[in-house]
PDB file of N, CA and C in Angstrom:
ATOM      1  N   GLN A   1       0.836  -1.350   0.130  1.00  0.00           N
ATOM      2  CA  GLN A   1      -0.043  -0.071  -0.100  1.00  0.00           C
ATOM      3  C   GLN A   1       0.650   0.861  -0.110  1.00  0.00           C
ATOM      4  N   VAL A   2       0.873   2.250  -0.644  1.00  0.00           N
ATOM      5  CA  VAL A   2       1.669   3.398  -0.958  1.00  0.00           C
ATOM      6  C   VAL A   2       0.803   4.328  -0.123  1.00  0.00           C
ATOM      7  N   GLN A   3       2.098   4.881   0.773  1.00  0.00           N
ATOM      8  CA  GLN A   3       1.436   6.047   1.732  1.00  0.00           C
ATOM      9  C   GLN A   3       2.495   7.070   1.255  1.00  0.00           C
ATOM     10  N   LEU A   4       1.795   8.387   1.430  1.00  0.00           N
ATOM     11  CA  LEU A   4       2.095   9.888   1.316  1.00  0.00           C
ATOM     12  C   LEU A   4       1.814  10.796   2.522  1.00  0.00           C
ATOM     13  N   VAL A   5       2.942  11.068   3.153  1.00  0.00           N
ATOM     14  CA  VAL A   5       2.491  11.572   4.267  1.00  0.00           C
ATOM     15  C   VAL A   5       3.059  13.004   4.448  1.00  0.00           C
ATOM     16  N   GLU A   6       2.647  14.053   4.553  1.00  0.00           N
ATOM     17  CA  GLU A   6       3.610  15.487   4.227  1.00  0.00           C
ATOM     18  C   GLU A   6       3.549  15.967   5.423  1.00  0.00           C
ATOM     19  N   SER A   7       4.267  16.724   5.752  1.00  0.00           N
ATOM     20  CA  SER A   7       4.381  17.924   6.444  1.00  0.00           C
ATOM     21  C   SER A   7       5.115  18.698   6.557  1.00  0.00           C
ATOM     22  N   GLY A   8       5.167  20.141   7.620  1.00  0.00           N
ATOM     23  CA  GLY A   8       6.251  21.280   7.104  1.00  0.00           C
ATOM     24  C   GLY A   8       4.844  22.137   7.259  1.00  0.00           C
ATOM     25  N   GLY A   9       3.787  22.136   6.519  1.00  0.00           N
ATOM     26  CA  GLY A   9       2.764  23.254   6.755  1.00  0.00           C
ATOM     27  C   GLY A   9       2.469  24.223   7.608  1.00  0.00           C
ATOM     28  N   GLY A  10       1.962  25.079   7.638  1.00  0.00           N
ATOM     29  CA  GLY A  10       1.564  25.969   8.779  1.00  0.00           C
ATOM     30  C   GLY A  10       1.174  27.461   8.284  1.00  0.00           C
ATOM     31  N   LEU A  11       1.936  28.607   9.374  1.00  0.00           N
ATOM     32  CA  LEU A  11       0.900  29.921   9.226  1.00  0.00           C
ATOM     33  C   LEU A  11       2.592  30.432   8.825  1.00  0.00           C
ATOM     34  N   VAL A  12       2.481  31.527   7.972  1.00  0.00           N
ATOM     35  CA  VAL A  12       3.929  32.017   7.824  1.00  0.00           C
ATOM     36  C   VAL A  12       3.329  33.759   7.295  1.00  0.00           C
ATOM     37  N   GLN A  13       4.592  34.727   7.685  1.00  0.00           N
ATOM     38  CA  GLN A  13       3.971  35.971   7.127  1.00  0.00           C
ATOM     39  C   GLN A  13       4.498  36.176   5.961  1.00  0.00           C
ATOM     40  N   PRO A  14       3.943  37.030   4.949  1.00  0.00           N
ATOM     41  CA  PRO A  14       4.664  37.315   3.584  1.00  0.00           C
ATOM     42  C   PRO A  14       6.054  37.955   3.417  1.00  0.00           C
ATOM     43  N   GLY A  15       6.404  37.069   2.744  1.00  0.00           N
ATOM     44  CA  GLY A  15       7.990  36.823   2.688  1.00  0.00           C
ATOM     45  C   GLY A  15       8.765  35.937   3.235  1.00  0.00           C
ATOM     46  N   GLY A  16       8.075  35.314   3.983  1.00  0.00           N
ATOM     47  CA  GLY A  16       8.249  33.921   5.068  1.00  0.00           C
ATOM     48  C   GLY A  16       8.677  33.185   4.132  1.00  0.00           C
ATOM     49  N   SER A  17       9.304  31.868   4.597  1.00  0.00           N
ATOM     50  CA  SER A  17       9.810  30.541   4.160  1.00  0.00           C
ATOM     51  C   SER A  17       9.003  29.426   4.890  1.00  0.00           C
ATOM     52  N   LEU A  18       8.875  28.159   4.105  1.00  0.00           N
ATOM     53  CA  LEU A  18       8.397  27.085   4.921  1.00  0.00           C
ATOM     54  C   LEU A  18       8.947  26.042   3.883  1.00  0.00           C
ATOM     55  N   ARG A  19       9.634  24.517   5.005  1.00  0.00           N
ATOM     56  CA  ARG A  19       9.896  23.903   4.049  1.00  0.00           C
ATOM     57  C   ARG A  19       8.535  22.318   4.111  1.00  0.00           C
ATOM     58  N   LEU A  20       8.048  22.150   3.350  1.00  0.00           N
ATOM     59  CA  LEU A  20       7.076  20.842   3.026  1.00  0.00           C
ATOM     60  C   LEU A  20       8.203  19.680   2.741  1.00  0.00           C
ATOM     61  N   GLY A  21       7.560  18.444   3.507  1.00  0.00           N
ATOM     62  CA  GLY A  21       7.882  17.006   3.324  1.00  0.00           C
ATOM     63  C   GLY A  21       6.822  16.507   2.648  1.00  0.00           C
ATOM     64  N   CYS A  22       7.709  15.247   2.043  1.00  0.00           N
ATOM     65  CA  CYS A  22       6.465  14.107   1.814  1.00  0.00           C
ATOM     66  C   CYS A  22       7.223  12.845   1.949  1.00  0.00           C
ATOM     67  N   ALA A  23       7.247  11.925   3.052  1.00  0.00           N
ATOM     68  CA  ALA A  23       7.520  10.765   3.000  1.00  0.00           C
ATOM     69  C   ALA A  23       6.737   9.732   2.556  1.00  0.00           C
ATOM     70  N   ALA A  24       7.403   8.910   1.589  1.00  0.00           N
ATOM     71  CA  ALA A  24       6.658   8.213   0.846  1.00  0.00           C
ATOM     72  C   ALA A  24       6.789   6.638   1.362  1.00  0.00           C
ATOM     73  N   SER A  25       6.418   5.634   1.086  1.00  0.00           N
ATOM     74  CA  SER A  25       6.430   4.284   1.621  1.00  0.00           C
ATOM     75  C   SER A  25       5.451   3.271   1.009  1.00  0.00           C
ATOM     76  N   GLY A  26       5.910   2.338   0.487  1.00  0.00           N
ATOM     77  CA  GLY A  26       4.868   1.166  -0.347  1.00  0.00           C
ATOM     78  C   GLY A  26       5.382   1.758  -1.729  1.00  0.00           C
ATOM     79  N   ILE A  27       6.579   2.441  -2.348  1.00  0.00           N
ATOM     80  CA  ILE A  27       6.730   2.614  -3.625  1.00  0.00           C
ATOM     81  C   ILE A  27       8.262   2.547  -3.858  1.00  0.00           C
ATOM     82  N   ILE A  28       8.627   2.392  -5.076  1.00  0.00           N
ATOM     83  CA  ILE A  28       9.790   2.150  -5.355  1.00  0.00           C
ATOM     84  C   ILE A  28      10.453   3.879  -5.625  1.00  0.00           C
ATOM     85  N   PHE A  29      10.519   4.489  -4.328  1.00  0.00           N
ATOM     86  CA  PHE A  29      11.041   5.939  -4.329  1.00  0.00           C
ATOM     87  C   PHE A  29      12.013   5.978  -5.801  1.00  0.00           C
ATOM     88  N   SER A  30      13.001   5.920  -5.876  1.00  0.00           N
ATOM     89  CA  SER A  30      14.279   5.868  -6.312  1.00  0.00           C
ATOM     90  C   SER A  30      13.827   6.147  -8.225  1.00  0.00           C
ATOM     91  N   ILE A  31      12.648   5.663  -8.435  1.00  0.00           N
ATOM     92  CA  ILE A  31      12.108   5.378  -9.786  1.00  0.00           C
ATOM     93  C   ILE A  31      11.020   6.333 -10.033  1.00  0.00           C
ATOM     94  N   ALA A  32      10.228   6.849  -9.234  1.00  0.00           N
ATOM     95  CA  ALA A  32       9.357   7.165  -9.029  1.00  0.00           C
ATOM     96  C   ALA A  32       9.493   8.630  -9.264  1.00  0.00           C
ATOM     97  N   THR A  33       8.338   9.389  -9.933  1.00  0.00           N
ATOM     98  CA  THR A  33       8.106  11.326 -10.379  1.00  0.00           C
ATOM     99  C   THR A  33       7.559  11.273  -9.591  1.00  0.00           C
ATOM    100  N   MET A  34       8.132  12.322  -8.457  1.00  0.00           N
ATOM    101  CA  MET A  34       7.650  13.418  -7.043  1.00  0.00           C
ATOM    102  C   MET A  34       7.139  14.587  -7.528  1.00  0.00           C
ATOM    103  N   GLY A  35       6.190  14.917  -6.504  1.00  0.00           N
ATOM    104  CA  GLY A  35       5.517  16.509  -6.990  1.00  0.00           C
ATOM    105  C   GLY A  35       4.352  17.009  -6.119  1.00  0.00           C
ATOM    106  N   TRP A  36       4.563  18.216  -5.944  1.00  0.00           N
ATOM    107  CA  TRP A  36       3.858  18.747  -5.083  1.00  0.00           C
ATOM    108  C   TRP A  36       2.750  19.824  -6.640  1.00  0.00           C
ATOM    109  N   TYR A  37       1.333  19.751  -5.905  1.00  0.00           N
ATOM    110  CA  TYR A  37       0.061  20.105  -6.513  1.00  0.00           C
ATOM    111  C   TYR A  37      -0.315  21.031  -5.576  1.00  0.00           C
ATOM    112  N   ARG A  38      -1.151  22.108  -5.369  1.00  0.00           N
ATOM    113  CA  ARG A  38      -1.825  22.681  -4.653  1.00  0.00           C
ATOM    114  C   ARG A  38      -3.332  22.650  -4.977  1.00  0.00           C
ATOM    115  N   GLN A  39      -4.628  23.076  -4.146  1.00  0.00           N
ATOM    116  CA  GLN A  39      -5.653  23.478  -4.850  1.00  0.00           C
ATOM    117  C   GLN A  39      -6.532  24.375  -3.818  1.00  0.00           C
ATOM    118  N   THR A  40      -7.033  24.968  -4.407  1.00  0.00           N
ATOM    119  CA  THR A  40      -7.992  25.792  -3.408  1.00  0.00           C
ATOM    120  C   THR A  40      -9.307  25.502  -3.330  1.00  0.00           C
ATOM    121  N   LEU A  41     -10.099  25.582  -2.408  1.00  0.00           N
ATOM    122  CA  LEU A  41     -11.478  24.855  -2.554  1.00  0.00           C
ATOM    123  C   LEU A  41     -12.033  25.589  -4.320  1.00  0.00           C
ATOM    124  N   GLY A  42     -12.843  24.624  -4.984  1.00  0.00           N
ATOM    125  CA  GLY A  42     -13.709  25.187  -6.007  1.00  0.00           C
ATOM    126  C   GLY A  42     -13.033  25.441  -7.199  1.00  0.00           C
ATOM    127  N   LYS A  43     -11.637  25.035  -6.788  1.00  0.00           N
ATOM    128  CA  LYS A  43     -10.634  25.426  -7.796  1.00  0.00           C
ATOM    129  C   LYS A  43     -10.060  24.305  -8.627  1.00  0.00           C
ATOM    130  N   ARG A  44      -9.362  23.776  -9.593  1.00  0.00           N
ATOM    131  CA  ARG A  44      -8.889  22.649 -10.055  1.00  0.00           C
ATOM    132  C   ARG A  44      -7.234  22.618  -9.169  1.00  0.00           C
ATOM    133  N   ARG A  45      -6.831  21.584  -9.343  1.00  0.00           N
ATOM    134  CA  ARG A  45      -5.680  20.983  -8.360  1.00  0.00           C
ATOM    135  C   ARG A  45      -4.539  21.802 -10.028  1.00  0.00           C
ATOM    136  N   GLU A  46      -3.639  22.302  -9.593  1.00  0.00           N
ATOM    137  CA  GLU A  46      -2.478  22.993 -10.074  1.00  0.00           C
ATOM    138  C   GLU A  46      -1.270  22.290  -9.636  1.00  0.00           C
ATOM    139  N   LEU A  47      -0.512  21.745 -10.918  1.00  0.00           N
ATOM    140  CA  LEU A  47       0.835  21.642 -10.573  1.00  0.00           C
ATOM    141  C   LEU A  47       2.083  22.956  -9.955  1.00  0.00           C
ATOM    142  N   VAL A  48       2.918  22.728  -8.905  1.00  0.00           N
ATOM    143  CA  VAL A  48       3.624  23.556  -8.355  1.00  0.00           C
ATOM    144  C   VAL A  48       4.657  22.712  -8.588  1.00  0.00           C
ATOM    145  N   ALA A  49       5.637  21.995  -8.727  1.00  0.00           N
ATOM    146  CA  ALA A  49       6.783  21.023  -8.893  1.00  0.00           C
ATOM    147  C   ALA A  49       6.858  19.209  -9.214  1.00  0.00           C
ATOM    148  N   THR A  50       6.876  19.296 -10.475  1.00  0.00           N
ATOM    149  CA  THR A  50       7.829  17.696  -9.870  1.00  0.00           C
ATOM    150  C   THR A  50       9.117  17.560 -10.523  1.00  0.00           C
ATOM    151  N   ILE A  51       9.463  16.199  -9.559  1.00  0.00           N
ATOM    152  CA  ILE A  51      11.086  16.150 -10.035  1.00  0.00           C
ATOM    153  C   ILE A  51      11.115  14.436 -10.296  1.00  0.00           C
ATOM    154  N   ALA A  52      11.389  14.436 -11.219  1.00  0.00           N
ATOM    155  CA  ALA A  52      11.756  13.307 -11.889  1.00  0.00           C
ATOM    156  C   ALA A  52      13.010  11.868 -11.465  1.00  0.00           C
ATOM    157  N   ASP A  53      12.770  11.088 -11.650  1.00  0.00           N
ATOM    158  CA  ASP A  53      13.817  10.200 -11.250  1.00  0.00           C
ATOM    159  C   ASP A  53      15.551  10.553 -11.044  1.00  0.00           C
ATOM    160  N   GLY A  54      15.546  11.039 -12.212  1.00  0.00           N
ATOM    161  CA  GLY A  54      16.723  11.360 -12.836  1.00  0.00           C
ATOM    162  C   GLY A  54      17.126  13.007 -12.098  1.00  0.00           C
ATOM    163  N   GLY A  55      16.518  13.350 -11.813  1.00  0.00           N
ATOM    164  CA  GLY A  55      16.485  15.179 -10.881  1.00  0.00           C
ATOM    165  C   GLY A  55      15.941  16.183 -11.473  1.00  0.00           C
ATOM    166  N   ASN A  56      15.655  15.947 -13.084  1.00  0.00           N
ATOM    167  CA  ASN A  56      14.822  16.867 -13.908  1.00  0.00           C
ATOM    168  C   ASN A  56      13.852  17.272 -13.089  1.00  0.00           C
ATOM    169  N   THR A  57      13.949  18.641 -13.121  1.00  0.00           N
ATOM    170  CA  THR A  57      12.315  19.608 -12.615  1.00  0.00           C
ATOM    171  C   THR A  57      11.623  20.330 -13.133  1.00  0.00           C
ATOM    172  N   LYS A  58      10.482  20.553 -13.012  1.00  0.00           N
ATOM    173  CA  LYS A  58       9.293  21.284 -13.675  1.00  0.00           C
ATOM    174  C   LYS A  58       9.125  22.019 -12.653  1.00  0.00           C
ATOM    175  N   TYR A  59       8.552  23.336 -12.909  1.00  0.00           N
ATOM    176  CA  TYR A  59       7.895  24.374 -11.992  1.00  0.00           C
ATOM    177  C   TYR A  59       7.068  25.026 -12.518  1.00  0.00           C
ATOM    178  N   ALA A  60       5.694  25.778 -11.928  1.00  0.00           N
ATOM    179  CA  ALA A  60       5.118  26.370 -12.682  1.00  0.00           C
ATOM    180  C   ALA A  60       5.283  27.523 -12.528  1.00  0.00           C
ATOM    181  N   GLU A  61       4.739  28.096 -13.366  1.00  0.00           N
ATOM    182  CA  GLU A  61       5.353  29.847 -14.066  1.00  0.00           C
ATOM    183  C   GLU A  61       5.202  30.918 -12.249  1.00  0.00           C
ATOM    184  N   SER A  62       4.305  30.686 -11.857  1.00  0.00           N
ATOM    185  CA  SER A  62       3.971  31.398 -10.869  1.00  0.00           C
ATOM    186  C   SER A  62       4.367  31.256  -9.530  1.00  0.00           C
ATOM    187  N   ILE A  63       5.368  30.273  -9.684  1.00  0.00           N
ATOM    188  CA  ILE A  63       6.271  30.033  -8.043  1.00  0.00           C
ATOM    189  C   ILE A  63       7.756  30.146  -8.482  1.00  0.00           C
ATOM    190  N   GLN A  64       7.953  29.975  -9.519  1.00  0.00           N
ATOM    191  CA  GLN A  64       9.433  29.790 -10.167  1.00  0.00           C
ATOM    192  C   GLN A  64      10.022  30.928  -9.737  1.00  0.00           C
ATOM    193  N   GLY A  65      11.694  30.359  -9.647  1.00  0.00           N
ATOM    194  CA  GLY A  65      12.353  31.638  -8.514  1.00  0.00           C
ATOM    195  C   GLY A  65      12.187  31.446  -7.084  1.00  0.00           C
ATOM    196  N   ARG A  66      10.897  31.255  -6.784  1.00  0.00           N
ATOM    197  CA  ARG A  66      10.944  31.370  -5.130  1.00  0.00           C
ATOM    198  C   ARG A  66      10.881  30.151  -5.055  1.00  0.00           C
ATOM    199  N   PHE A  67      10.329  28.784  -5.004  1.00  0.00           N
ATOM    200  CA  PHE A  67      10.153  27.297  -4.715  1.00  0.00           C
ATOM    201  C   PHE A  67      11.028  26.428  -5.227  1.00  0.00           C
ATOM    202  N   THR A  68      11.371  25.612  -4.434  1.00  0.00           N
ATOM    203  CA  THR A  68      12.097  24.312  -4.986  1.00  0.00           C
ATOM    204  C   THR A  68      12.298  22.977  -4.265  1.00  0.00           C
ATOM    205  N   ILE A  69      12.331  22.420  -5.307  1.00  0.00           N
ATOM    206  CA  ILE A  69      11.522  20.901  -5.225  1.00  0.00           C
ATOM    207  C   ILE A  69      13.258  20.249  -5.035  1.00  0.00           C
ATOM    208  N   SER A  70      13.400  19.652  -3.836  1.00  0.00           N
ATOM    209  CA  SER A  70      13.932  18.407  -4.136  1.00  0.00           C
ATOM    210  C   SER A  70      13.800  17.093  -3.698  1.00  0.00           C
ATOM    211  N   ARG A  71      14.424  15.728  -3.682  1.00  0.00           N
ATOM    212  CA  ARG A  71      13.950  14.542  -3.237  1.00  0.00           C
ATOM    213  C   ARG A  71      15.708  14.228  -2.582  1.00  0.00           C
ATOM    214  N   ASP A  72      15.239  13.291  -1.790  1.00  0.00           N
ATOM    215  CA  ASP A  72      16.454  12.417  -1.304  1.00  0.00           C
ATOM    216  C   ASP A  72      15.802  10.836  -1.167  1.00  0.00           C
ATOM    217  N   ASN A  73      16.672  10.561  -1.806  1.00  0.00           N
ATOM    218  CA  ASN A  73      15.830   8.784  -1.794  1.00  0.00           C
ATOM    219  C   ASN A  73      16.651   7.790  -1.090  1.00  0.00           C
ATOM    220  N   ALA A  74      17.673   8.433  -0.334  1.00  0.00           N
ATOM    221  CA  ALA A  74      17.834   7.410   0.800  1.00  0.00           C
ATOM    222  C   ALA A  74      16.747   7.950   1.938  1.00  0.00           C
ATOM    223  N   LYS A  75      15.822   8.957   2.290  1.00  0.00           N
ATOM    224  CA  LYS A  75      15.027   8.932   3.000  1.00  0.00           C
ATOM    225  C   LYS A  75      13.831   8.704   2.306  1.00  0.00           C
ATOM    226  N   ASN A  76      13.535   8.548   1.259  1.00  0.00           N
ATOM    227  CA  ASN A  76      12.441   8.192   0.665  1.00  0.00           C
ATOM    228  C   ASN A  76      11.284   9.219   0.865  1.00  0.00           C
ATOM    229  N   THR A  77      12.113  10.621   0.804  1.00  0.00           N
ATOM    230  CA  THR A  77      11.425  11.507   0.756  1.00  0.00           C
ATOM    231  C   THR A  77      11.414  12.865   0.112  1.00  0.00           C
ATOM    232  N   VAL A  78      10.524  13.840  -0.593  1.00  0.00           N
ATOM    233  CA  VAL A  78      10.542  14.391  -1.407  1.00  0.00           C
ATOM    234  C   VAL A  78      10.301  16.300  -0.822  1.00  0.00           C
ATOM    235  N   TYR A  79      10.925  17.222  -0.970  1.00  0.00           N
ATOM    236  CA  TYR A  79      10.693  18.531  -0.359  1.00  0.00           C
ATOM    237  C   TYR A  79      10.164  19.665  -1.465  1.00  0.00           C
ATOM    238  N   LEU A  80       9.864  20.657  -0.650  1.00  0.00           N
ATOM    239  CA  LEU A  80       9.332  21.778  -1.546  1.00  0.00           C
ATOM    240  C   LEU A  80       9.405  22.994  -0.341  1.00  0.00           C
ATOM    241  N   GLN A  81      11.131  23.737  -0.931  1.00  0.00           N
ATOM    242  CA  GLN A  81      11.693  24.134  -0.122  1.00  0.00           C
ATOM    243  C   GLN A  81      10.369  25.875  -0.708  1.00  0.00           C
ATOM    244  N   MET A  82      10.098  26.583   0.219  1.00  0.00           N
ATOM    245  CA  MET A  82       9.139  27.801  -0.307  1.00  0.00           C
ATOM    246  C   MET A  82       9.522  28.832  -0.011  1.00  0.00           C
ATOM    247  N   ASN A  83       9.867  29.874  -0.540  1.00  0.00           N
ATOM    248  CA  ASN A  83      10.674  30.985   0.180  1.00  0.00           C
ATOM    249  C   ASN A  83       9.762  32.322  -0.796  1.00  0.00           C
ATOM    250  N   GLY A  84       9.955  33.304  -0.258  1.00  0.00           N
ATOM    251  CA  GLY A  84       9.373  34.057  -0.556  1.00  0.00           C
ATOM    252  C   GLY A  84       7.605  34.226  -0.829  1.00  0.00           C
ATOM    253  N   LEU A  85       7.171  33.731   0.429  1.00  0.00           N
ATOM    254  CA  LEU A  85       5.655  33.420   0.086  1.00  0.00           C
ATOM    255  C   LEU A  85       4.800  34.482   0.238  1.00  0.00           C
ATOM    256  N   LYS A  86       3.872  34.467  -0.462  1.00  0.00           N
ATOM    257  CA  LYS A  86       2.636  35.140  -0.858  1.00  0.00           C
ATOM    258  C   LYS A  86       1.580  34.877  -0.677  1.00  0.00           C
ATOM    259  N   PRO A  87       0.380  36.194  -0.068  1.00  0.00           N
ATOM    260  CA  PRO A  87      -0.792  35.380   0.372  1.00  0.00           C
ATOM    261  C   PRO A  87      -1.766  34.574  -0.954  1.00  0.00           C
ATOM    262  N   GLU A  88      -1.157  34.958  -1.985  1.00  0.00           N
ATOM    263  CA  GLU A  88      -2.066  34.243  -2.619  1.00  0.00           C
ATOM    264  C   GLU A  88      -1.238  32.365  -2.668  1.00  0.00           C
ATOM    265  N   ASP A  89       0.118  32.111  -1.995  1.00  0.00           N
ATOM    266  CA  ASP A  89       0.016  30.668  -1.964  1.00  0.00           C
ATOM    267  C   ASP A  89      -0.843  30.138  -1.042  1.00  0.00           C
ATOM    268  N   THR A  90      -1.622  30.994  -0.152  1.00  0.00           N
ATOM    269  CA  THR A  90      -2.781  29.917   0.523  1.00  0.00           C
ATOM    270  C   THR A  90      -3.105  29.224   0.045  1.00  0.00           C
ATOM    271  N   THR A  91      -3.066  27.830   0.231  1.00  0.00           N
ATOM    272  CA  THR A  91      -3.630  27.033   0.049  1.00  0.00           C
ATOM    273  C   THR A  91      -3.296  25.638   0.481  1.00  0.00           C
ATOM    274  N   VAL A  92      -3.509  24.362   0.190  1.00  0.00           N
ATOM    275  CA  VAL A  92      -3.585  23.098   0.780  1.00  0.00           C
ATOM    276  C   VAL A  92      -2.609  22.616  -0.135  1.00  0.00           C
ATOM    277  N   TYR A  93      -1.652  21.959  -0.111  1.00  0.00           N
ATOM    278  CA  TYR A  93      -0.321  21.247  -0.902  1.00  0.00           C
ATOM    279  C   TYR A  93      -0.657  20.037  -0.666  1.00  0.00           C
ATOM    280  N   PHE A  94      -0.528  19.287  -1.765  1.00  0.00           N
ATOM    281  CA  PHE A  94      -0.549  17.774  -2.131  1.00  0.00           C
ATOM    282  C   PHE A  94       0.809  17.329  -2.827  1.00  0.00           C
ATOM    283  N   CYS A  95       1.413  15.849  -1.449  1.00  0.00           N
ATOM    284  CA  CYS A  95       2.190  15.575  -2.640  1.00  0.00           C
ATOM    285  C   CYS A  95       1.637  14.432  -3.728  1.00  0.00           C
ATOM    286  N   TYR A  96       2.679  14.157  -4.378  1.00  0.00           N
ATOM    287  CA  TYR A  96       2.048  13.285  -5.977  1.00  0.00           C
ATOM    288  C   TYR A  96       2.946  12.494  -5.943  1.00  0.00           C
ATOM    289  N   ALA A  97       2.700  11.051  -6.513  1.00  0.00           N
ATOM    290  CA  ALA A  97       3.832  10.055  -7.079  1.00  0.00           C
ATOM    291  C   ALA A  97       3.339   9.649  -8.214  1.00  0.00           C
ATOM    292  N   HIS A  98       4.028   9.282  -9.058  1.00  0.00           N
ATOM    293  CA  HIS A  98       3.998   8.623 -10.143  1.00  0.00           C
ATOM    294  C   HIS A  98       4.657   7.327 -10.111  1.00  0.00           C
ATOM    295  N   ASP A  99       4.256   6.107 -10.206  1.00  0.00           N
ATOM    296  CA  ASP A  99       4.523   4.868 -10.268  1.00  0.00           C
ATOM    297  C   ASP A  99       5.118   4.168 -11.344  1.00  0.00           C
ATOM    298  N   PRO A 100       5.868   4.382 -12.038  1.00  0.00           N
ATOM    299  CA  PRO A 100       6.160   4.434 -14.096  1.00  0.00           C
ATOM    300  C   PRO A 100       6.312   2.364 -14.209  1.00  0.00           C
ATOM    301  N   ARG A 101       5.870   1.768 -13.012  1.00  0.00           N
ATOM    302  CA  ARG A 101       6.246   0.627 -13.413  1.00  0.00           C
ATOM    303  C   ARG A 101       4.402   0.118 -13.272  1.00  0.00           C
ATOM    304  N   VAL A 102       3.548   0.587 -12.868  1.00  0.00           N
ATOM    305  CA  VAL A 102       2.009   0.138 -13.022  1.00  0.00           C
ATOM    306  C   VAL A 102       1.683   1.590 -13.648  1.00  0.00           C
ATOM    307  N   LEU A 103       2.157   2.808 -14.073  1.00  0.00           N
ATOM    308  CA  LEU A 103       1.780   3.737 -14.409  1.00  0.00           C
ATOM    309  C   LEU A 103       0.261   4.179 -13.664  1.00  0.00           C
ATOM    310  N   ARG A 104       0.221   4.409 -12.073  1.00  0.00           N
ATOM    311  CA  ARG A 104      -0.722   4.804 -11.530  1.00  0.00           C
ATOM    312  C   ARG A 104      -0.128   5.897 -10.462  1.00  0.00           C
ATOM    313  N   ASP A 105      -1.012   6.891 -10.215  1.00  0.00           N
ATOM    314  CA  ASP A 105      -0.292   8.022  -9.863  1.00  0.00           C
ATOM    315  C   ASP A 105      -1.322   8.082  -8.141  1.00  0.00           C
ATOM    316  N   TYR A 106      -0.298   8.255  -6.967  1.00  0.00           N
ATOM    317  CA  TYR A 106      -0.807   8.422  -5.621  1.00  0.00           C
ATOM    318  C   TYR A 106      -0.636   9.696  -5.407  1.00  0.00           C
ATOM    319  N   TRP A 107      -1.557  10.342  -3.739  1.00  0.00           N
ATOM    320  CA  TRP A 107      -2.257  11.782  -3.797  1.00  0.00           C
ATOM    321  C   TRP A 107      -1.386  11.387  -2.331  1.00  0.00           C
ATOM    322  N   GLY A 108      -0.789  12.284  -1.509  1.00  0.00           N
ATOM    323  CA  GLY A 108      -0.938  12.474  -0.153  1.00  0.00           C
ATOM    324  C   GLY A 108      -2.223  13.239   0.493  1.00  0.00           C
ATOM    325  N   GLN A 109      -2.392  13.248   1.808  1.00  0.00           N
ATOM    326  CA  GLN A 109      -3.738  13.576   2.395  1.00  0.00           C
ATOM    327  C   GLN A 109      -4.062  15.483   1.997  1.00  0.00           C
ATOM    328  N   GLY A 110      -2.749  16.075   2.196  1.00  0.00           N
ATOM    329  CA  GLY A 110      -2.431  17.446   2.180  1.00  0.00           C
ATOM    330  C   GLY A 110      -1.855  18.216   3.408  1.00  0.00           C
ATOM    331  N   THR A 111      -1.621  19.399   2.726  1.00  0.00           N
ATOM    332  CA  THR A 111      -1.112  20.081   4.326  1.00  0.00           C
ATOM    333  C   THR A 111      -1.500  21.260   4.100  1.00  0.00           C
ATOM    334  N   GLN A 112      -2.211  22.271   5.033  1.00  0.00           N
ATOM    335  CA  GLN A 112      -2.401  23.599   4.532  1.00  0.00           C
ATOM    336  C   GLN A 112      -0.986  24.331   4.805  1.00  0.00           C
ATOM    337  N   VAL A 113      -1.596  25.477   4.145  1.00  0.00           N
ATOM    338  CA  VAL A 113      -0.177  27.016   3.931  1.00  0.00           C
ATOM    339  C   VAL A 113      -1.149  27.905   4.190  1.00  0.00           C
ATOM    340  N   THR A 114      -0.458  28.577   4.673  1.00  0.00           N
ATOM    341  CA  THR A 114      -1.088  29.615   5.006  1.00  0.00           C
ATOM    342  C   THR A 114      -0.179  31.006   4.947  1.00  0.00           C
ATOM    343  N   VAL A 115      -0.270  32.345   4.272  1.00  0.00           N
ATOM    344  CA  VAL A 115       0.288  33.619   3.863  1.00  0.00           C
ATOM    345  C   VAL A 115      -0.225  34.544   4.605  1.00  0.00           C
ATOM    346  N   SER A 116      -0.400  34.961   5.859  1.00  0.00           N
ATOM    347  CA  SER A 116      -1.219  35.892   6.213  1.00  0.00           C
ATOM    348  C   SER A 116      -0.567  36.858   7.047  1.00  0.00           C
ATOM    349  N   SER A 117      -0.149  38.254   7.335  1.00  0.00           N
ATOM    350  CA  SER A 117       0.302  38.860   8.210  1.00  0.00           C
ATOM    351  C   SER A 117      -0.611  38.959   9.420  1.00  0.00           C
TER     352      SER A 117
END
């Protein structure tokens, strides 16, 4: 059973930083594409960033230059370092995993990020 457990969300002031983490189990982490999406109530889930097994990264234009995705294969964990946070970054962030062996996507439960003064 694949499990993705997010951590690191919370309340931060505009301009501040947070680091999200997602610990994966039940999947061969080293070959999975990992990522982060976010979704505001009533809107579609949108890509934030992904990182492939080889380390190639992809970012949404709205967070380019502010957020950095990374992975630690030894810890089966993917991270999202968020700097320069803005109020419009406030929403729920979901961890994502794609298993290329079975072509399935998996999602975490989500972690709330709130940017407010």
